[in-house]
Protein backbone atom coordinates (compact mmCIF):
# COMPACT_ATOMS: atom_id res chain seq x y z
CA MET A 1 24.56 21.56 -77.25
CA GLY A 2 22.89 23.39 -74.42
CA SER A 3 24.85 24.95 -71.67
CA ARG A 4 24.12 23.87 -68.15
CA SER A 5 24.15 26.58 -65.49
CA THR A 6 26.16 25.89 -62.35
CA GLY A 7 24.86 27.45 -59.19
CA PHE A 8 22.67 26.85 -56.18
CA THR A 9 18.98 26.27 -56.42
CA LEU A 10 16.57 28.14 -54.21
CA ILE A 11 15.97 24.99 -52.15
CA GLU A 12 19.70 24.56 -51.51
CA VAL A 13 20.02 28.18 -50.37
CA LEU A 14 17.03 27.85 -48.01
CA VAL A 15 18.42 24.65 -46.50
CA ALA A 16 21.82 26.30 -45.97
CA LEU A 17 20.21 29.34 -44.32
CA SER A 18 18.14 27.09 -42.06
CA VAL A 19 21.24 25.19 -40.92
CA PHE A 20 23.05 28.48 -40.28
CA ALA A 21 20.08 29.88 -38.30
CA ILE A 22 19.91 26.79 -36.07
CA ALA A 23 23.66 26.95 -35.42
CA ALA A 24 23.49 30.69 -34.65
CA ILE A 25 20.66 30.17 -32.15
CA GLY A 26 22.67 27.44 -30.44
CA LEU A 27 25.77 29.64 -30.19
CA TYR A 28 23.72 32.55 -28.84
CA SER A 29 22.20 30.31 -26.17
CA VAL A 30 25.61 29.03 -25.08
CA SER A 31 27.14 32.53 -24.91
CA GLU A 32 24.15 33.85 -22.93
CA GLN A 33 24.56 31.02 -20.41
CA ASN A 34 28.29 31.80 -20.10
CA VAL A 35 27.54 35.46 -19.34
CA ARG A 36 25.02 34.46 -16.65
CA ASN A 37 27.49 32.00 -15.11
CA ALA A 38 30.26 34.61 -15.03
CA ALA A 39 27.99 37.12 -13.28
CA ARG A 40 26.90 34.53 -10.71
CA LEU A 41 30.50 33.49 -10.08
CA GLU A 42 31.48 37.13 -9.52
CA GLU A 43 28.60 37.58 -7.07
CA LYS A 44 29.52 34.44 -5.12
CA THR A 45 33.20 35.43 -4.99
CA MET A 46 32.41 38.93 -3.69
CA ALA A 47 29.98 37.53 -1.11
CA HIS A 48 32.64 35.09 0.11
CA TRP A 49 35.14 37.96 0.47
CA VAL A 50 32.57 39.91 2.51
CA ALA A 51 32.05 36.87 4.75
CA MET A 52 35.80 36.33 5.20
CA ASN A 53 36.30 40.01 6.06
CA LYS A 54 33.55 39.75 8.70
CA MET A 55 35.12 36.59 10.16
CA VAL A 56 38.52 38.30 10.41
CA GLU A 57 36.85 41.30 12.05
CA ILE A 58 35.30 39.02 14.69
CA GLN A 59 38.57 37.12 15.21
CA THR A 60 40.52 40.32 15.83
CA LEU A 61 38.07 41.80 18.33
CA PRO A 62 39.41 42.01 21.88
CA GLY A 63 37.52 39.45 23.92
CA TRP A 64 35.03 36.81 22.92
CA PRO A 65 32.11 37.33 20.52
CA SER A 66 28.71 37.65 22.22
CA LEU A 67 26.09 34.98 21.67
CA GLY A 68 23.21 35.90 19.37
CA THR A 69 22.36 37.18 15.92
CA GLN A 70 23.51 40.43 14.35
CA ASP A 71 22.36 41.87 11.01
CA THR A 72 24.60 44.44 9.33
CA LYS A 73 25.04 46.01 5.91
CA VAL A 74 28.41 46.21 4.20
CA GLU A 75 29.35 48.03 1.01
CA MET A 76 31.87 46.33 -1.25
CA ALA A 77 32.45 46.53 -5.01
CA GLN A 78 29.77 49.21 -5.37
CA ARG A 79 27.12 46.87 -3.95
CA GLU A 80 25.38 46.73 -0.62
CA TRP A 81 25.58 43.33 1.07
CA GLN A 82 23.39 42.05 3.88
CA VAL A 83 25.45 40.19 6.48
CA LYS A 84 23.82 38.00 9.12
CA THR A 85 26.16 36.79 11.85
CA VAL A 86 25.03 34.07 14.26
CA VAL A 87 27.26 33.26 17.25
CA SER A 88 26.22 30.15 19.17
CA LYS A 89 27.52 27.80 21.86
CA THR A 90 29.25 24.54 21.13
CA THR A 91 29.71 21.43 23.27
CA LEU A 92 33.05 22.87 24.41
CA LYS A 93 32.69 25.76 26.85
CA THR A 94 35.82 27.45 25.46
CA LEU A 95 34.64 27.44 21.84
CA ARG A 96 31.93 29.35 19.97
CA LYS A 97 30.52 28.70 16.52
CA VAL A 98 30.27 31.69 14.16
CA GLU A 99 28.07 31.40 11.08
CA ILE A 100 28.08 34.26 8.58
CA ARG A 101 25.43 34.45 5.83
CA VAL A 102 25.89 37.01 3.06
CA GLY A 103 23.52 38.10 0.30
CA ILE A 104 22.91 41.15 -1.88
CA ASN A 105 20.69 43.73 -0.25
CA ASN A 106 17.56 44.22 -2.39
CA ASP A 107 15.50 46.28 0.08
CA SER A 108 14.41 48.65 -2.67
CA PHE A 109 12.54 45.81 -4.37
CA GLY A 110 10.87 44.57 -1.18
CA GLU A 111 12.39 41.13 -1.71
CA LYS A 112 13.70 38.80 0.93
CA ILE A 113 17.49 38.62 0.98
CA LYS A 114 18.73 35.55 -0.90
CA THR A 115 21.82 34.08 0.76
CA THR A 116 24.72 33.91 -1.66
CA THR A 117 27.31 32.32 0.63
CA VAL A 118 27.65 30.87 4.12
CA LEU A 119 30.91 30.81 6.07
CA THR A 120 31.24 28.89 9.33
CA GLY A 121 34.11 29.17 11.77
CA TYR A 122 34.98 28.50 15.41
CA ILE A 123 36.54 30.93 17.82
CA GLY A 124 38.21 29.95 21.08
CA ASN A 125 38.15 31.98 24.28
CA ARG A 126 41.55 33.66 24.40
CA ALA A 127 41.07 34.71 28.02
CA ILE A 128 41.66 31.14 29.22
């Protein structure tokens, strides 16, 4: 009687490797997307903190904020942020709208600033 060898054929090994390769590519793609999402979430969180700090700064100023647009740069978390503050009138004479747009400053690349977050608030005239 002949002995029959038990083992995998070359075709079976190639099929198994193909399935593993497809699964590995899928896992790599998912993990890469998670890393990108985490970085974007961190950027949006920091930008929102910058905007909130600017709003508190405006709220604690003595007097009322002046109408108009102001561009400033702020450093936070080892990054330079571009902050655009727009103060405008509202239908109420004792209330002003403050809109703060924050994005990462990429002047070195000659790119336009991409807004990461927008914070809007209203400030009343405390002198009345």
